Amino acid sequence: MSTVLDLQKVCRGLTPAWFDYLRDWDRTLRGGNYPETTRYNYLLAAAQLGRYLIDNADELQAGGAAAADPTEVGRGHIEEFQAWMVATRSASTALNKHKGLQQFFKWLVEEEDLERSPLARVKQPKTAQTLIPILGDDDTAKILATCKDKDFLSIRDRAIIRVFYSTGARLSEVAGLQLDDIDLNTDTLLFHGKGMKDRRVRFGGKAGRALSQYLRARARRRAADSPALWLPEKGETPLSSNGIKIMLRRRGEVAKVPNVHAHRWRHNFAHEWKLAGGDTGDLMLVLGWASDDMPRRYGASAAAERAQHVHARLRIGDRV
């Protein structure tokens, strides 16, 4: 994927001044070896701010302030942009943009183009903690049933779903798998996680069988020499995160399982681990978490079920 073309797409509709700053920031991000997804999200946040200020220039000028380039952005601009994001998208999206903009204006301060970031006194948008329902055995079985045929897409999609179900990996981690990341001798996958942190995770027997079947089918494809693990039905461009996201949604629609996405299997993995009495520290290692707040959040929607299992095991009130 071309970095220049990506940047041009992200910066569509911006003035030359905004584009120049984002181009230079992207050079810094690439020099810092930031993952492509992180670079994209950071640049998109800044570009969306720029487009918002350009599209609403007349209204902002009426209020006494317009921003011809990023160095003229003030606290009021950021607060207006965040309010617009909350109103038109969601509070969680506004929070993600806030974090990306923090990095952008921090860079401008480091470049000495600004004395102080306009976000210095802007509060992060408050978000409600949403309980994400797990994607358990019954629904997973329905989704896998849509992949029971022997064509290439069914075999590939079955392997992808089995990997999510068996490992609890992130969407970007599964999409980013390379052929060399599979070790069928140890039944493990090497995931390239957030923050450039690699980890090797074991997969179960059914996932191993699905992967083996896929590798045999893959070897007969025209793009078999590609280092990427997941090949397309046609052509040679590997399946992207977005491609997997679309595939999961379509499989869910066919299976009549609503809101199917990869993260629900991640929550299910955490729930099953806790239900079995697994160690929290080990769970953090397997799922690639650095913060001990994450185990409390994941699988929270099924916490009552776990509590009932513990209650039954302890036999409180039944021992006398």
Protein backbone atom coordinates (compact mmCIF):
# COMPACT_ATOMS: atom_id res chain seq x y z
CA MET A 1 0.00 0.00 0.00
CA SER A 2 1.45 3.34 -0.97
CA THR A 3 2.03 5.77 1.90
CA VAL A 4 1.70 8.79 -0.44
CA LEU A 5 -1.59 7.54 -1.85
CA ASP A 6 -2.88 6.77 1.63
CA LEU A 7 -2.00 10.24 2.82
CA GLN A 8 -3.65 11.85 -0.17
CA LYS A 9 -6.86 9.95 0.53
CA VAL A 10 -6.83 10.78 4.22
CA CYS A 11 -6.13 14.47 3.52
CA ARG A 12 -8.69 14.90 0.77
CA GLY A 13 -10.37 18.31 1.05
CA LEU A 14 -7.65 19.92 3.16
CA THR A 15 -5.74 23.10 2.33
CA PRO A 16 -2.06 22.84 1.28
CA ALA A 17 -1.01 24.15 4.70
CA TRP A 18 -2.84 21.35 6.52
CA PHE A 19 -1.57 18.74 4.06
CA ASP A 20 2.05 19.85 4.49
CA TYR A 21 1.88 19.53 8.26
CA LEU A 22 0.26 16.08 8.11
CA ARG A 23 2.79 14.93 5.52
CA ASP A 24 5.66 15.98 7.78
CA TRP A 25 4.03 14.39 10.83
CA ASP A 26 3.56 11.16 8.91
CA ARG A 27 7.27 11.18 8.13
CA THR A 28 7.96 11.37 11.87
CA LEU A 29 5.51 8.55 12.58
CA ARG A 30 7.09 6.36 9.92
CA GLY A 31 10.53 7.17 11.30
CA GLY A 32 9.28 6.08 14.71
CA ASN A 33 8.13 2.75 13.21
CA TYR A 34 4.51 3.30 14.18
CA PRO A 35 2.18 0.57 12.85
CA GLU A 36 0.19 1.51 9.75
CA THR A 37 -3.13 1.29 11.57
CA THR A 38 -1.90 3.68 14.27
CA ARG A 39 -0.58 6.12 11.70
CA TYR A 40 -3.87 6.00 9.83
CA ASN A 41 -5.96 6.65 12.94
CA TYR A 42 -3.73 9.53 14.07
CA LEU A 43 -3.66 11.18 10.65
CA LEU A 44 -7.39 10.68 10.17
CA ALA A 45 -8.17 12.47 13.45
CA ALA A 46 -6.10 15.50 12.45
CA ALA A 47 -7.50 15.51 8.91
CA GLN A 48 -11.07 15.35 10.19
CA LEU A 49 -10.39 18.30 12.48
CA GLY A 50 -8.96 20.24 9.55
CA ARG A 51 -11.92 19.46 7.31
CA TYR A 52 -14.37 20.41 10.04
CA LEU A 53 -12.68 23.80 10.52
CA ILE A 54 -12.54 24.40 6.75
CA ASP A 55 -16.18 23.41 6.19
CA ASN A 56 -17.34 25.61 9.06
CA ALA A 57 -14.97 28.52 8.42
CA ASP A 58 -17.74 31.10 8.01
CA GLU A 59 -19.36 30.24 11.32
CA LEU A 60 -16.01 30.15 13.09
CA GLN A 61 -15.03 33.51 11.62
CA ALA A 62 -18.33 34.94 12.82
CA GLY A 63 -17.26 33.86 16.28
CA GLY A 64 -13.93 35.57 15.85
CA ALA A 65 -11.68 32.64 15.07
CA ALA A 66 -10.70 30.62 12.00
CA ALA A 67 -7.80 28.21 11.57
CA ALA A 68 -6.00 28.44 8.24
CA ASP A 69 -3.45 25.87 9.41
CA PRO A 70 -2.91 23.66 12.49
CA THR A 71 -0.82 26.27 14.33
CA GLU A 72 -3.90 28.53 14.54
CA VAL A 73 -6.11 25.92 16.20
CA GLY A 74 -7.31 26.98 19.63
CA ARG A 75 -9.10 25.39 22.55
CA GLY A 76 -12.47 26.54 21.22
CA HIS A 77 -11.88 24.82 17.88
CA ILE A 78 -11.15 21.53 19.64
CA GLU A 79 -14.20 21.77 21.88
CA GLU A 80 -16.46 22.57 18.90
CA PHE A 81 -15.00 19.64 16.97
CA GLN A 82 -15.46 17.25 19.89
CA ALA A 83 -19.05 18.36 20.41
CA TRP A 84 -19.71 17.78 16.71
CA MET A 85 -18.13 14.32 16.89
CA VAL A 86 -20.27 13.37 19.88
CA ALA A 87 -23.42 14.63 18.13
CA THR A 88 -22.75 13.07 14.71
CA ARG A 89 -20.78 9.93 15.68
CA SER A 90 -20.46 8.88 19.30
CA ALA A 91 -18.70 9.78 22.53
CA SER A 92 -16.30 6.87 22.11
CA THR A 93 -15.37 8.05 18.60
CA ALA A 94 -14.85 11.57 19.93
CA LEU A 95 -12.56 10.13 22.61
CA ASN A 96 -10.48 8.29 20.01
CA LYS A 97 -10.12 11.52 18.00
CA HIS A 98 -9.10 13.37 21.15
CA LYS A 99 -6.28 10.89 21.76
CA GLY A 100 -5.07 11.16 18.16
CA LEU A 101 -5.12 14.97 18.29
CA GLN A 102 -3.14 14.90 21.52
CA GLN A 103 -0.32 13.21 19.63
CA PHE A 104 -0.55 15.62 16.69
CA PHE A 105 -0.35 18.78 18.76
CA LYS A 106 2.31 17.27 21.00
CA TRP A 107 4.39 16.86 17.83
CA LEU A 108 3.74 20.49 16.84
CA VAL A 109 5.02 21.59 20.25
CA GLU A 110 8.11 19.41 19.83
CA GLU A 111 8.64 20.98 16.41
CA GLU A 112 8.47 24.39 18.17
CA ASP A 113 5.63 25.52 15.91
CA LEU A 114 3.45 25.84 19.00
CA GLU A 115 4.27 26.88 22.53
CA ARG A 116 1.40 24.92 24.02
CA SER A 117 -1.06 22.34 22.77
CA PRO A 118 -4.66 23.58 22.40
CA LEU A 119 -5.72 20.33 24.08
CA ALA A 120 -3.88 21.20 27.29
CA ARG A 121 -7.08 22.39 28.97
CA VAL A 122 -9.63 20.39 26.96
CA LYS A 123 -11.23 17.53 28.85
CA GLN A 124 -11.62 14.13 27.23
CA PRO A 125 -15.20 13.29 26.24
CA LYS A 126 -16.88 11.13 28.86
CA THR A 127 -18.03 7.76 27.60
CA ALA A 128 -20.42 5.25 29.09
CA GLN A 129 -19.03 1.76 29.60
CA THR A 130 -20.95 -0.43 27.17
CA LEU A 131 -21.26 -4.11 27.97
CA ILE A 132 -20.33 -6.03 24.84
CA PRO A 133 -22.19 -9.37 24.66
CA ILE A 134 -19.97 -12.40 24.24
CA LEU A 135 -20.20 -14.56 21.13
CA GLY A 136 -20.61 -17.97 22.70
CA ASP A 137 -20.85 -21.56 21.51
CA ASP A 138 -24.40 -21.54 20.11
CA ASP A 139 -23.99 -18.42 17.98
CA THR A 140 -20.51 -19.46 16.87
CA ALA A 141 -21.88 -22.82 15.74
CA LYS A 142 -24.51 -21.04 13.64
CA ILE A 143 -21.86 -18.85 12.00
CA LEU A 144 -19.54 -21.80 11.33
CA ALA A 145 -22.47 -23.64 9.73
CA THR A 146 -22.43 -21.04 6.95
CA CYS A 147 -18.89 -22.19 6.08
CA LYS A 148 -19.57 -25.92 5.75
CA ASP A 149 -19.01 -26.08 1.97
CA LYS A 150 -15.72 -27.17 0.39
CA ASP A 151 -15.06 -24.09 -1.76
CA PHE A 152 -12.04 -21.88 -1.03
CA LEU A 153 -14.01 -19.07 0.65
CA SER A 154 -15.76 -21.45 3.03
CA ILE A 155 -12.49 -23.12 3.98
CA ARG A 156 -10.73 -19.76 4.47
CA ASP A 157 -13.54 -18.13 6.42
CA ARG A 158 -13.93 -21.19 8.64
CA ALA A 159 -10.23 -21.02 9.51
CA ILE A 160 -10.44 -17.29 10.30
CA ILE A 161 -13.47 -17.74 12.56
CA ARG A 162 -11.84 -20.69 14.32
CA VAL A 163 -8.74 -18.56 15.02
CA PHE A 164 -10.84 -15.78 16.58
CA TYR A 165 -12.86 -18.29 18.62
CA SER A 166 -9.83 -20.25 19.82
CA THR A 167 -7.37 -17.42 20.57
CA GLY A 168 -9.36 -14.26 21.35
CA ALA A 169 -6.98 -12.30 19.13
CA ARG A 170 -7.65 -8.79 17.86
CA LEU A 171 -8.97 -8.18 14.35
CA SER A 172 -5.76 -6.43 13.28
CA GLU A 173 -3.64 -9.28 14.68
CA VAL A 174 -5.50 -11.98 12.76
CA ALA A 175 -5.54 -9.88 9.58
CA GLY A 176 -1.80 -9.24 9.90
CA LEU A 177 -0.78 -12.89 10.18
CA GLN A 178 1.95 -14.04 7.83
CA LEU A 179 2.43 -17.56 6.53
CA ASP A 180 5.56 -17.93 8.67
CA ASP A 181 3.60 -17.03 11.81
CA ILE A 182 1.92 -20.46 11.88
CA ASP A 183 3.67 -23.32 13.66
CA LEU A 184 1.67 -26.53 13.19
CA ASN A 185 4.26 -28.47 15.19
CA THR A 186 3.47 -26.57 18.38
CA ASP A 187 -0.07 -25.51 17.40
CA THR A 188 0.74 -21.84 17.91
CA LEU A 189 0.38 -18.52 16.10
CA LEU A 190 2.71 -15.54 16.37
CA PHE A 191 0.59 -12.43 16.75
CA HIS A 192 2.01 -8.96 16.19
CA GLY A 193 0.14 -6.96 18.81
CA LYS A 194 -0.27 -3.33 19.80
CA GLY A 195 2.83 -1.36 20.66
CA MET A 196 5.04 -3.58 18.47
CA LYS A 197 4.66 -6.41 21.00
CA ASP A 198 4.74 -9.94 19.61
CA ARG A 199 3.33 -12.93 21.44
CA ARG A 200 2.91 -16.59 20.58
CA VAL A 201 -0.51 -18.06 21.36
CA ARG A 202 -1.69 -21.65 21.27
CA PHE A 203 -4.77 -22.64 19.25
CA GLY A 204 -7.08 -25.61 19.82
CA GLY A 205 -7.49 -28.83 17.87
CA LYS A 206 -10.45 -27.70 15.77
CA ALA A 207 -8.72 -24.46 14.87
CA GLY A 208 -5.64 -26.48 13.93
CA ARG A 209 -7.67 -28.73 11.63
CA ALA A 210 -9.32 -25.71 9.99
CA LEU A 211 -5.93 -24.04 9.48
CA SER A 212 -4.44 -27.21 7.99
CA GLN A 213 -7.34 -27.49 5.55
CA TYR A 214 -6.93 -23.86 4.61
CA LEU A 215 -3.19 -24.19 4.03
CA ARG A 216 -3.77 -27.10 1.65
CA ALA A 217 -6.38 -25.08 -0.28
CA ARG A 218 -4.15 -21.99 -0.17
CA ALA A 219 -1.22 -23.86 -1.74
CA ARG A 220 -3.28 -24.28 -4.92
CA ARG A 221 -4.05 -20.57 -5.30
CA ARG A 222 -2.40 -18.27 -7.81
CA ALA A 223 -1.08 -16.01 -5.03
CA ALA A 224 0.28 -18.89 -2.96
CA ASP A 225 3.75 -17.30 -2.90
CA SER A 226 2.43 -14.29 -0.99
CA PRO A 227 3.86 -13.98 2.54
CA ALA A 228 0.41 -12.93 3.83
CA LEU A 229 -1.66 -15.75 5.32
CA TRP A 230 -5.16 -14.84 4.16
CA LEU A 231 -5.59 -14.82 0.39
CA PRO A 232 -8.53 -13.34 -1.56
CA GLU A 233 -10.95 -15.29 -3.69
CA LYS A 234 -9.63 -13.48 -6.76
CA GLY A 235 -6.49 -11.53 -7.46
CA GLU A 236 -3.43 -11.31 -5.25
CA THR A 237 -4.18 -8.58 -2.69
CA PRO A 238 -4.27 -10.16 0.81
CA LEU A 239 -7.43 -9.96 2.87
CA SER A 240 -7.37 -6.78 4.98
CA SER A 241 -8.86 -6.04 8.41
CA ASN A 242 -11.78 -4.37 6.69
CA GLY A 243 -12.24 -7.38 4.41
CA ILE A 244 -12.43 -9.70 7.41
CA LYS A 245 -14.84 -7.31 9.13
CA ILE A 246 -17.15 -7.38 6.10
CA MET A 247 -16.89 -11.17 5.85
CA LEU A 248 -17.88 -11.63 9.50
CA ARG A 249 -20.84 -9.31 9.13
CA ARG A 250 -22.06 -11.20 6.06
CA ARG A 251 -21.64 -14.58 7.73
CA GLY A 252 -23.59 -13.26 10.70
CA GLU A 253 -26.42 -12.06 8.50
CA VAL A 254 -26.68 -15.46 6.81
CA ALA A 255 -26.60 -17.19 10.21
CA LYS A 256 -29.17 -14.71 11.59
CA VAL A 257 -26.76 -13.75 14.38
CA PRO A 258 -26.82 -9.97 14.84
CA ASN A 259 -23.81 -7.70 15.28
CA VAL A 260 -21.07 -10.22 14.56
CA HIS A 261 -17.59 -8.75 14.94
CA ALA A 262 -14.21 -10.08 16.03
CA HIS A 263 -14.10 -8.31 19.39
CA ARG A 264 -17.06 -10.31 20.66
CA TRP A 265 -14.95 -13.49 20.48
CA ARG A 266 -12.24 -11.66 22.43
CA HIS A 267 -14.79 -10.97 25.17
CA ASN A 268 -15.95 -14.59 24.99
CA PHE A 269 -12.37 -15.83 25.40
CA ALA A 270 -11.91 -13.69 28.54
CA HIS A 271 -15.23 -14.93 29.93
CA GLU A 272 -14.40 -18.60 29.32
CA TRP A 273 -10.94 -18.15 30.84
CA LYS A 274 -12.34 -16.59 34.01
CA LEU A 275 -15.17 -19.14 34.19
CA ALA A 276 -12.59 -21.94 34.21
CA GLY A 277 -10.69 -20.23 37.04
CA GLY A 278 -7.76 -19.18 34.84
CA ASP A 279 -5.12 -16.84 36.27
CA THR A 280 -5.65 -13.15 35.45
CA GLY A 281 -1.95 -12.58 34.84
CA ASP A 282 -1.85 -15.43 32.35
CA LEU A 283 -4.94 -14.06 30.62
CA MET A 284 -3.19 -10.70 30.20
CA LEU A 285 -0.24 -12.45 28.56
CA VAL A 286 -2.40 -14.52 26.21
CA LEU A 287 -4.53 -11.55 25.07
CA GLY A 288 -1.64 -9.08 24.91
CA TRP A 289 -2.83 -6.65 27.59
CA ALA A 290 -0.52 -4.25 29.42
CA SER A 291 -3.16 -2.68 31.71
CA ASP A 292 -4.71 -4.69 34.56
CA ASP A 293 -7.92 -2.74 33.98
CA MET A 294 -8.61 -4.75 30.81
CA PRO A 295 -9.44 -8.10 32.51
CA ARG A 296 -12.22 -6.33 34.44
CA ARG A 297 -13.75 -4.87 31.28
CA TYR A 298 -13.63 -7.93 29.04
CA GLY A 299 -16.33 -10.51 29.51
CA ALA A 300 -18.13 -8.11 31.88
CA SER A 301 -21.49 -8.78 30.20
CA ALA A 302 -21.31 -12.40 31.41
CA ALA A 303 -20.03 -11.62 34.92
CA ALA A 304 -23.35 -12.66 36.52
CA GLU A 305 -23.05 -16.12 34.96
CA ARG A 306 -19.57 -16.54 36.39
CA ALA A 307 -20.79 -15.43 39.81
CA GLN A 308 -23.54 -18.06 39.71
CA HIS A 309 -21.00 -20.77 38.86
CA VAL A 310 -18.82 -19.73 41.79
CA HIS A 311 -21.87 -19.69 44.08
CA ALA A 312 -22.80 -23.21 43.03
CA ARG A 313 -19.24 -24.46 43.52
CA LEU A 314 -18.89 -22.94 46.99
CA ARG A 315 -22.22 -24.46 48.11
CA ILE A 316 -22.92 -21.54 50.43
CA GLY A 317 -25.93 -22.37 52.59
CA ASP A 318 -25.87 -26.11 51.74
CA ARG A 319 -23.06 -27.40 53.99
CA VAL A 320 -25.07 -27.68 57.18
